[in-house]
Amino acid sequence: RPIAGPYATLFFSIGLFAAGFTSATTAPLAGAY
């Protein structure tokens, strides 16, 4: 936040959520296959 403002924090946190959710969906699917 101090370096790039609130947008960097926002973008990074959204990206972290997307990373967690996509993997949370694909890991069970891979295990089932």
Full PDB file with SEQRES, HELIX, SHEET, SSBOND, CRYST1, ORIGX, SCALE, CONECT and MASTER records, all heavy atoms in Angstrom:
SEQRES   1 A   33  ARG PRO ILE ALA GLY PRO TYR ALA THR LEU PHE PHE SER          
SEQRES   2 A   33  ILE GLY LEU PHE ALA ALA GLY PHE THR SER ALA THR THR          
SEQRES   3 A   33  ALA PRO LEU ALA GLY ALA TYR                                  
HELIX    1 AA1 PRO A    6  ALA A   32  1                                  27    
CRYST1    1.000    1.000    1.000  90.00  90.00  90.00 P 1           1          
ORIGX1      1.000000  0.000000  0.000000        0.00000                         
ORIGX2      0.000000  1.000000  0.000000        0.00000                         
ORIGX3      0.000000  0.000000  1.000000        0.00000                         
SCALE1      1.000000  0.000000  0.000000        0.00000                         
SCALE2      0.000000  1.000000  0.000000        0.00000                         
SCALE3      0.000000  0.000000  1.000000        0.00000                         
ATOM      1  N   ARG A   1       0.805  -1.228   0.000  1.00  0.00           N  
ATOM      2  CA  ARG A   1       0.000   0.000   0.000  1.00  0.00           C  
ATOM      3  C   ARG A   1       0.843   1.286   0.000  1.00  0.00           C  
ATOM      4  O   ARG A   1       0.579   2.196  -0.794  1.00  0.00           O  
ATOM      5  CB  ARG A   1      -0.954  -0.012   1.200  1.00  0.00           C  
ATOM      6  CG  ARG A   1      -1.982   1.104   1.170  1.00  0.00           C  
ATOM      7  CD  ARG A   1      -2.847   1.056   2.426  1.00  0.00           C  
ATOM      8  NE  ARG A   1      -3.587  -0.187   2.546  1.00  0.00           N  
ATOM      9  CZ  ARG A   1      -4.793  -0.386   2.025  1.00  0.00           C  
ATOM     10  NH1 ARG A   1      -5.369   0.581   1.341  1.00  0.00           N  
ATOM     11  NH2 ARG A   1      -5.407  -1.531   2.189  1.00  0.00           N  
ATOM     12  N   PRO A   2       1.879   1.426   0.838  1.00  0.00           N  
ATOM     13  CA  PRO A   2       2.649   2.670   0.835  1.00  0.00           C  
ATOM     14  C   PRO A   2       3.414   2.904  -0.474  1.00  0.00           C  
ATOM     15  O   PRO A   2       3.733   4.038  -0.811  1.00  0.00           O  
ATOM     16  CB  PRO A   2       3.632   2.487   1.996  1.00  0.00           C  
ATOM     17  CG  PRO A   2       3.048   1.421   2.838  1.00  0.00           C  
ATOM     18  CD  PRO A   2       2.336   0.509   1.892  1.00  0.00           C  
ATOM     19  N   ILE A   3       3.712   1.824  -1.193  1.00  0.00           N  
ATOM     20  CA  ILE A   3       4.521   1.947  -2.403  1.00  0.00           C  
ATOM     21  C   ILE A   3       3.660   2.226  -3.627  1.00  0.00           C  
ATOM     22  O   ILE A   3       3.980   3.091  -4.442  1.00  0.00           O  
ATOM     23  CB  ILE A   3       5.340   0.653  -2.631  1.00  0.00           C  
ATOM     24  CG1 ILE A   3       6.202   0.369  -1.394  1.00  0.00           C  
ATOM     25  CG2 ILE A   3       6.204   0.756  -3.883  1.00  0.00           C  
ATOM     26  CD1 ILE A   3       6.865  -0.988  -1.424  1.00  0.00           C  
ATOM     27  N   ALA A   4       2.573   1.493  -3.774  1.00  0.00           N  
ATOM     28  CA  ALA A   4       1.768   1.608  -4.997  1.00  0.00           C  
ATOM     29  C   ALA A   4       0.326   1.997  -4.720  1.00  0.00           C  
ATOM     30  O   ALA A   4      -0.502   1.961  -5.620  1.00  0.00           O  
ATOM     31  CB  ALA A   4       1.810   0.288  -5.761  1.00  0.00           C  
ATOM     32  N   GLY A   5       0.001   2.352  -3.485  1.00  0.00           N  
ATOM     33  CA  GLY A   5      -1.352   2.772  -3.184  1.00  0.00           C  
ATOM     34  C   GLY A   5      -2.291   1.598  -2.997  1.00  0.00           C  
ATOM     35  O   GLY A   5      -1.902   0.437  -3.084  1.00  0.00           O  
ATOM     36  N   PRO A   6      -3.573   1.907  -2.751  1.00  0.00           N  
ATOM     37  CA  PRO A   6      -4.554   0.852  -2.446  1.00  0.00           C  
ATOM     38  C   PRO A   6      -4.814  -0.098  -3.608  1.00  0.00           C  
ATOM     39  O   PRO A   6      -5.250  -1.219  -3.396  1.00  0.00           O  
ATOM     40  CB  PRO A   6      -5.817   1.643  -2.088  1.00  0.00           C  
ATOM     41  CG  PRO A   6      -5.652   2.959  -2.786  1.00  0.00           C  
ATOM     42  CD  PRO A   6      -4.191   3.245  -2.749  1.00  0.00           C  
ATOM     43  N   TYR A   7      -4.559   0.372  -4.844  1.00  0.00           N  
ATOM     44  CA  TYR A   7      -4.881  -0.479  -5.990  1.00  0.00           C  
ATOM     45  C   TYR A   7      -4.003  -1.726  -6.050  1.00  0.00           C  
ATOM     46  O   TYR A   7      -4.468  -2.808  -6.399  1.00  0.00           O  
ATOM     47  CB  TYR A   7      -4.777   0.315  -7.291  1.00  0.00           C  
ATOM     48  CG  TYR A   7      -5.797   1.415  -7.382  1.00  0.00           C  
ATOM     49  CD1 TYR A   7      -5.430   2.750  -7.264  1.00  0.00           C  
ATOM     50  CD2 TYR A   7      -7.143   1.111  -7.550  1.00  0.00           C  
ATOM     51  CE1 TYR A   7      -6.373   3.760  -7.324  1.00  0.00           C  
ATOM     52  CE2 TYR A   7      -8.107   2.115  -7.609  1.00  0.00           C  
ATOM     53  CZ  TYR A   7      -7.705   3.440  -7.504  1.00  0.00           C  
ATOM     54  OH  TYR A   7      -8.650   4.424  -7.547  1.00  0.00           O  
ATOM     55  N   ALA A   8      -2.726  -1.595  -5.712  1.00  0.00           N  
ATOM     56  CA  ALA A   8      -1.848  -2.760  -5.729  1.00  0.00           C  
ATOM     57  C   ALA A   8      -2.312  -3.785  -4.700  1.00  0.00           C  
ATOM     58  O   ALA A   8      -2.361  -4.990  -4.970  1.00  0.00           O  
ATOM     59  CB  ALA A   8      -0.408  -2.353  -5.451  1.00  0.00           C  
ATOM     60  N   THR A   9      -2.671  -3.311  -3.503  1.00  0.00           N  
ATOM     61  CA  THR A   9      -3.168  -4.210  -2.467  1.00  0.00           C  
ATOM     62  C   THR A   9      -4.445  -4.895  -2.925  1.00  0.00           C  
ATOM     63  O   THR A   9      -4.635  -6.106  -2.758  1.00  0.00           O  
ATOM     64  CB  THR A   9      -3.448  -3.432  -1.171  1.00  0.00           C  
ATOM     65  OG1 THR A   9      -2.264  -2.746  -0.782  1.00  0.00           O  
ATOM     66  CG2 THR A   9      -3.896  -4.367  -0.053  1.00  0.00           C  
ATOM     67  N   LEU A  10      -5.353  -4.096  -3.517  1.00  0.00           N  
ATOM     68  CA  LEU A  10      -6.631  -4.632  -3.994  1.00  0.00           C  
ATOM     69  C   LEU A  10      -6.405  -5.674  -5.081  1.00  0.00           C  
ATOM     70  O   LEU A  10      -6.946  -6.784  -5.022  1.00  0.00           O  
ATOM     71  CB  LEU A  10      -7.502  -3.490  -4.517  1.00  0.00           C  
ATOM     72  CG  LEU A  10      -8.866  -3.911  -5.088  1.00  0.00           C  
ATOM     73  CD1 LEU A  10      -9.736  -4.497  -3.980  1.00  0.00           C  
ATOM     74  CD2 LEU A  10      -9.552  -2.716  -5.742  1.00  0.00           C  
ATOM     75  N   PHE A  11      -5.581  -5.327  -6.079  1.00  0.00           N  
ATOM     76  CA  PHE A  11      -5.337  -6.252  -7.185  1.00  0.00           C  
ATOM     77  C   PHE A  11      -4.676  -7.537  -6.691  1.00  0.00           C  
ATOM     78  O   PHE A  11      -5.034  -8.640  -7.102  1.00  0.00           O  
ATOM     79  CB  PHE A  11      -4.452  -5.588  -8.249  1.00  0.00           C  
ATOM     80  CG  PHE A  11      -5.181  -4.657  -9.162  1.00  0.00           C  
ATOM     81  CD1 PHE A  11      -4.682  -3.391  -9.448  1.00  0.00           C  
ATOM     82  CD2 PHE A  11      -6.378  -5.037  -9.753  1.00  0.00           C  
ATOM     83  CE1 PHE A  11      -5.349  -2.528 -10.295  1.00  0.00           C  
ATOM     84  CE2 PHE A  11      -7.059  -4.176 -10.602  1.00  0.00           C  
ATOM     85  CZ  PHE A  11      -6.548  -2.919 -10.879  1.00  0.00           C  
ATOM     86  N   PHE A  12      -3.700  -7.387  -5.811  1.00  0.00           N  
ATOM     87  CA  PHE A  12      -2.976  -8.563  -5.334  1.00  0.00           C  
ATOM     88  C   PHE A  12      -3.898  -9.477  -4.528  1.00  0.00           C  
ATOM     89  O   PHE A  12      -3.855 -10.706  -4.666  1.00  0.00           O  
ATOM     90  CB  PHE A  12      -1.770  -8.146  -4.482  1.00  0.00           C  
ATOM     91  CG  PHE A  12      -0.712  -9.201  -4.402  1.00  0.00           C  
ATOM     92  CD1 PHE A  12       0.321  -9.248  -5.324  1.00  0.00           C  
ATOM     93  CD2 PHE A  12      -0.750 -10.172  -3.414  1.00  0.00           C  
ATOM     94  CE1 PHE A  12       1.295 -10.238  -5.269  1.00  0.00           C  
ATOM     95  CE2 PHE A  12       0.224 -11.162  -3.339  1.00  0.00           C  
ATOM     96  CZ  PHE A  12       1.246 -11.190  -4.278  1.00  0.00           C  
ATOM     97  N   SER A  13      -4.733  -8.890  -3.698  1.00  0.00           N  
ATOM     98  CA  SER A  13      -5.643  -9.692  -2.873  1.00  0.00           C  
ATOM     99  C   SER A  13      -6.705 -10.384  -3.716  1.00  0.00           C  
ATOM    100  O   SER A  13      -7.071 -11.539  -3.446  1.00  0.00           O  
ATOM    101  CB  SER A  13      -6.305  -8.804  -1.813  1.00  0.00           C  
ATOM    102  OG  SER A  13      -5.339  -8.240  -0.964  1.00  0.00           O  
ATOM    103  N   ILE A  14      -7.221  -9.700  -4.733  1.00  0.00           N  
ATOM    104  CA  ILE A  14      -8.183 -10.330  -5.649  1.00  0.00           C  
ATOM    105  C   ILE A  14      -7.517 -11.488  -6.380  1.00  0.00           C  
ATOM    106  O   ILE A  14      -8.100 -12.563  -6.543  1.00  0.00           O  
ATOM    107  CB  ILE A  14      -8.734  -9.295  -6.657  1.00  0.00           C  
ATOM    108  CG1 ILE A  14      -9.652  -8.300  -5.941  1.00  0.00           C  
ATOM    109  CG2 ILE A  14      -9.490  -9.995  -7.794  1.00  0.00           C  
ATOM    110  CD1 ILE A  14     -10.111  -7.151  -6.811  1.00  0.00           C  
ATOM    111  N   GLY A  15      -6.278 -11.260  -6.811  1.00  0.00           N  
ATOM    112  CA  GLY A  15      -5.543 -12.323  -7.492  1.00  0.00           C  
ATOM    113  C   GLY A  15      -5.320 -13.522  -6.589  1.00  0.00           C  
ATOM    114  O   GLY A  15      -5.433 -14.673  -7.028  1.00  0.00           O  
ATOM    115  N   LEU A  16      -5.022 -13.274  -5.316  1.00  0.00           N  
ATOM    116  CA  LEU A  16      -4.805 -14.359  -4.362  1.00  0.00           C  
ATOM    117  C   LEU A  16      -6.100 -15.143  -4.153  1.00  0.00           C  
ATOM    118  O   LEU A  16      -6.088 -16.382  -4.106  1.00  0.00           O  
ATOM    119  CB  LEU A  16      -4.313 -13.799  -3.028  1.00  0.00           C  
ATOM    120  CG  LEU A  16      -4.081 -14.816  -1.907  1.00  0.00           C  
ATOM    121  CD1 LEU A  16      -3.067 -15.872  -2.333  1.00  0.00           C  
ATOM    122  CD2 LEU A  16      -3.607 -14.106  -0.644  1.00  0.00           C  
ATOM    123  N   PHE A  17      -7.233 -14.434  -4.065  1.00  0.00           N  
ATOM    124  CA  PHE A  17      -8.520 -15.123  -3.948  1.00  0.00           C  
ATOM    125  C   PHE A  17      -8.782 -15.996  -5.174  1.00  0.00           C  
ATOM    126  O   PHE A  17      -9.171 -17.166  -5.051  1.00  0.00           O  
ATOM    127  CB  PHE A  17      -9.661 -14.107  -3.796  1.00  0.00           C  
ATOM    128  CG  PHE A  17     -10.978 -14.633  -4.298  1.00  0.00           C  
ATOM    129  CD1 PHE A  17     -11.630 -15.661  -3.613  1.00  0.00           C  
ATOM    130  CD2 PHE A  17     -11.539 -14.144  -5.472  1.00  0.00           C  
ATOM    131  CE1 PHE A  17     -12.834 -16.177  -4.100  1.00  0.00           C  
ATOM    132  CE2 PHE A  17     -12.731 -14.652  -5.963  1.00  0.00           C  
ATOM    133  CZ  PHE A  17     -13.386 -15.666  -5.270  1.00  0.00           C  
ATOM    134  N   ALA A  18      -8.565 -15.421  -6.375  1.00  0.00           N  
ATOM    135  CA  ALA A  18      -8.807 -16.178  -7.609  1.00  0.00           C  
ATOM    136  C   ALA A  18      -7.903 -17.404  -7.674  1.00  0.00           C  
ATOM    137  O   ALA A  18      -8.329 -18.486  -8.101  1.00  0.00           O  
ATOM    138  CB  ALA A  18      -8.588 -15.291  -8.833  1.00  0.00           C  
ATOM    139  N   ALA A  19      -6.649 -17.255  -7.244  1.00  0.00           N  
ATOM    140  CA  ALA A  19      -5.712 -18.384  -7.235  1.00  0.00           C  
ATOM    141  C   ALA A  19      -6.207 -19.490  -6.307  1.00  0.00           C  
ATOM    142  O   ALA A  19      -6.155 -20.677  -6.652  1.00  0.00           O  
ATOM    143  CB  ALA A  19      -4.327 -17.905  -6.800  1.00  0.00           C  
ATOM    144  N   GLY A  20      -6.687 -19.093  -5.128  1.00  0.00           N  
ATOM    145  CA  GLY A  20      -7.182 -20.086  -4.187  1.00  0.00           C  
ATOM    146  C   GLY A  20      -8.444 -20.766  -4.671  1.00  0.00           C  
ATOM    147  O   GLY A  20      -8.580 -21.991  -4.591  1.00  0.00           O  
ATOM    148  N   PHE A  21      -9.367 -19.986  -5.217  1.00  0.00           N  
ATOM    149  CA  PHE A  21     -10.653 -20.561  -5.640  1.00  0.00           C  
ATOM    150  C   PHE A  21     -10.495 -21.490  -6.838  1.00  0.00           C  
ATOM    151  O   PHE A  21     -11.099 -22.567  -6.878  1.00  0.00           O  
ATOM    152  CB  PHE A  21     -11.653 -19.454  -5.972  1.00  0.00           C  
ATOM    153  CG  PHE A  21     -13.020 -19.994  -6.328  1.00  0.00           C  
ATOM    154  CD1 PHE A  21     -13.903 -20.344  -5.321  1.00  0.00           C  
ATOM    155  CD2 PHE A  21     -13.397 -20.169  -7.643  1.00  0.00           C  
ATOM    156  CE1 PHE A  21     -15.160 -20.866  -5.635  1.00  0.00           C  
ATOM    157  CE2 PHE A  21     -14.638 -20.683  -7.971  1.00  0.00           C  
ATOM    158  CZ  PHE A  21     -15.527 -21.033  -6.958  1.00  0.00           C  
ATOM    159  N   THR A  22      -9.706 -21.076  -7.829  1.00  0.00           N  
ATOM    160  CA  THR A  22      -9.541 -21.940  -9.006  1.00  0.00           C  
ATOM    161  C   THR A  22      -8.890 -23.257  -8.632  1.00  0.00           C  
ATOM    162  O   THR A  22      -9.312 -24.328  -9.087  1.00  0.00           O  
ATOM    163  CB  THR A  22      -8.699 -21.250 -10.098  1.00  0.00           C  
ATOM    164  OG1 THR A  22      -7.449 -20.800  -9.530  1.00  0.00           O  
ATOM    165  CG2 THR A  22      -9.418 -20.060 -10.700  1.00  0.00           C  
ATOM    166  N   SER A  23      -7.877 -23.199  -7.773  1.00  0.00           N  
ATOM    167  CA  SER A  23      -7.213 -24.433  -7.351  1.00  0.00           C  
ATOM    168  C   SER A  23      -8.116 -25.259  -6.441  1.00  0.00           C  
ATOM    169  O   SER A  23      -8.065 -26.489  -6.457  1.00  0.00           O  
ATOM    170  CB  SER A  23      -5.892 -24.112  -6.644  1.00  0.00           C  
ATOM    171  OG  SER A  23      -4.985 -23.503  -7.533  1.00  0.00           O  
ATOM    172  N   ALA A  24      -8.954 -24.593  -5.652  1.00  0.00           N  
ATOM    173  CA  ALA A  24      -9.885 -25.298  -4.774  1.00  0.00           C  
ATOM    174  C   ALA A  24     -10.930 -26.059  -5.581  1.00  0.00           C  
ATOM    175  O   ALA A  24     -11.515 -27.033  -5.094  1.00  0.00           O  
ATOM    176  CB  ALA A  24     -10.574 -24.315  -3.828  1.00  0.00           C  
ATOM    177  N   THR A  25     -11.164 -25.630  -6.808  1.00  0.00           N  
ATOM    178  CA  THR A  25     -12.122 -26.316  -7.689  1.00  0.00           C  
ATOM    179  C   THR A  25     -11.450 -27.409  -8.503  1.00  0.00           C  
ATOM    180  O   THR A  25     -11.999 -28.502  -8.676  1.00  0.00           O  
ATOM    181  CB  THR A  25     -12.789 -25.307  -8.642  1.00  0.00           C  
ATOM    182  OG1 THR A  25     -13.356 -24.235  -7.876  1.00  0.00           O  
ATOM    183  CG2 THR A  25     -13.885 -25.967  -9.461  1.00  0.00           C  
ATOM    184  N   THR A  26     -10.244 -27.141  -9.010  1.00  0.00           N  
ATOM    185  CA  THR A  26      -9.592 -28.103  -9.894  1.00  0.00           C  
ATOM    186  C   THR A  26      -8.964 -29.277  -9.150  1.00  0.00           C  
ATOM    187  O   THR A  26      -8.912 -30.394  -9.687  1.00  0.00           O  
ATOM    188  CB  THR A  26      -8.508 -27.417 -10.741  1.00  0.00           C  
ATOM    189  OG1 THR A  26      -7.644 -26.644  -9.897  1.00  0.00           O  
ATOM    190  CG2 THR A  26      -9.122 -26.505 -11.786  1.00  0.00           C  
ATOM    191  N   ALA A  27      -8.486 -29.081  -7.927  1.00  0.00           N  
ATOM    192  CA  ALA A  27      -7.865 -30.183  -7.183  1.00  0.00           C  
ATOM    193  C   ALA A  27      -8.853 -31.332  -6.917  1.00  0.00           C  
ATOM    194  O   ALA A  27      -8.534 -32.495  -7.181  1.00  0.00           O  
ATOM    195  CB  ALA A  27      -7.251 -29.684  -5.877  1.00  0.00           C  
ATOM    196  N   PRO A  28     -10.067 -31.052  -6.416  1.00  0.00           N  
ATOM    197  CA  PRO A  28     -11.032 -32.146  -6.239  1.00  0.00           C  
ATOM    198  C   PRO A  28     -11.407 -32.805  -7.569  1.00  0.00           C  
ATOM    199  O   PRO A  28     -11.606 -34.021  -7.636  1.00  0.00           O  
ATOM    200  CB  PRO A  28     -12.249 -31.452  -5.618  1.00  0.00           C  
ATOM    201  CG  PRO A  28     -11.719 -30.220  -4.994  1.00  0.00           C  
ATOM    202  CD  PRO A  28     -10.591 -29.778  -5.878  1.00  0.00           C  
ATOM    203  N   LEU A  29     -11.519 -31.985  -8.624  1.00  0.00           N  
ATOM    204  CA  LEU A  29     -11.866 -32.529  -9.937  1.00  0.00           C  
ATOM    205  C   LEU A  29     -10.781 -33.473 -10.437  1.00  0.00           C  
ATOM    206  O   LEU A  29     -11.061 -34.560 -10.951  1.00  0.00           O  
ATOM    207  CB  LEU A  29     -12.068 -31.375 -10.926  1.00  0.00           C  
ATOM    208  CG  LEU A  29     -12.660 -31.709 -12.299  1.00  0.00           C  
ATOM    209  CD1 LEU A  29     -14.033 -32.360 -12.145  1.00  0.00           C  
ATOM    210  CD2 LEU A  29     -12.759 -30.448 -13.150  1.00  0.00           C  
ATOM    211  N   ALA A  30      -9.519 -33.078 -10.265  1.00  0.00           N  
ATOM    212  CA  ALA A  30      -8.396 -33.930 -10.675  1.00  0.00           C  
ATOM    213  C   ALA A  30      -8.384 -35.225  -9.877  1.00  0.00           C  
ATOM    214  O   ALA A  30      -8.158 -36.313 -10.426  1.00  0.00           O  
ATOM    215  CB  ALA A  30      -7.080 -33.184 -10.484  1.00  0.00           C  
ATOM    216  N   GLY A  31      -8.619 -35.126  -8.571  1.00  0.00           N  
ATOM    217  CA  GLY A  31      -8.659 -36.318  -7.734  1.00  0.00           C  
ATOM    218  C   GLY A  31      -9.752 -37.276  -8.159  1.00  0.00           C  
ATOM    219  O   GLY A  31      -9.563 -38.503  -8.162  1.00  0.00           O  
ATOM    220  N   ALA A  32     -10.909 -36.735  -8.534  1.00  0.00           N  
ATOM    221  CA  ALA A  32     -12.024 -37.574  -8.967  1.00  0.00           C  
ATOM    222  C   ALA A  32     -11.717 -38.251 -10.300  1.00  0.00           C  
ATOM    223  O   ALA A  32     -12.006 -39.436 -10.485  1.00  0.00           O  
ATOM    224  CB  ALA A  32     -13.293 -36.726  -9.081  1.00  0.00           C  
ATOM    225  N   TYR A  33     -11.126 -37.506 -11.241  1.00  0.00           N  
ATOM    226  CA  TYR A  33     -10.768 -38.096 -12.531  1.00  0.00           C  
ATOM    227  C   TYR A  33      -9.752 -39.227 -12.356  1.00  0.00           C  
ATOM    228  O   TYR A  33      -9.857 -40.294 -12.963  1.00  0.00           O  
ATOM    229  CB  TYR A  33     -10.171 -37.034 -13.457  1.00  0.00           C  
ATOM    230  CG  TYR A  33     -11.176 -36.256 -14.263  1.00  0.00           C  
ATOM    231  CD1 TYR A  33     -11.155 -34.858 -14.298  1.00  0.00           C  
ATOM    232  CD2 TYR A  33     -12.139 -36.900 -15.032  1.00  0.00           C  
ATOM    233  CE1 TYR A  33     -12.066 -34.123 -15.044  1.00  0.00           C  
ATOM    234  CE2 TYR A  33     -13.059 -36.176 -15.783  1.00  0.00           C  
ATOM    235  CZ  TYR A  33     -13.019 -34.790 -15.786  1.00  0.00           C  
ATOM    236  OH  TYR A  33     -13.917 -34.076 -16.532  1.00  0.00           O  
TER     237      TYR A  33                                                      
MASTER        0    0    0    1    0    0    0    6  236    1    0    3          
END                                                                             
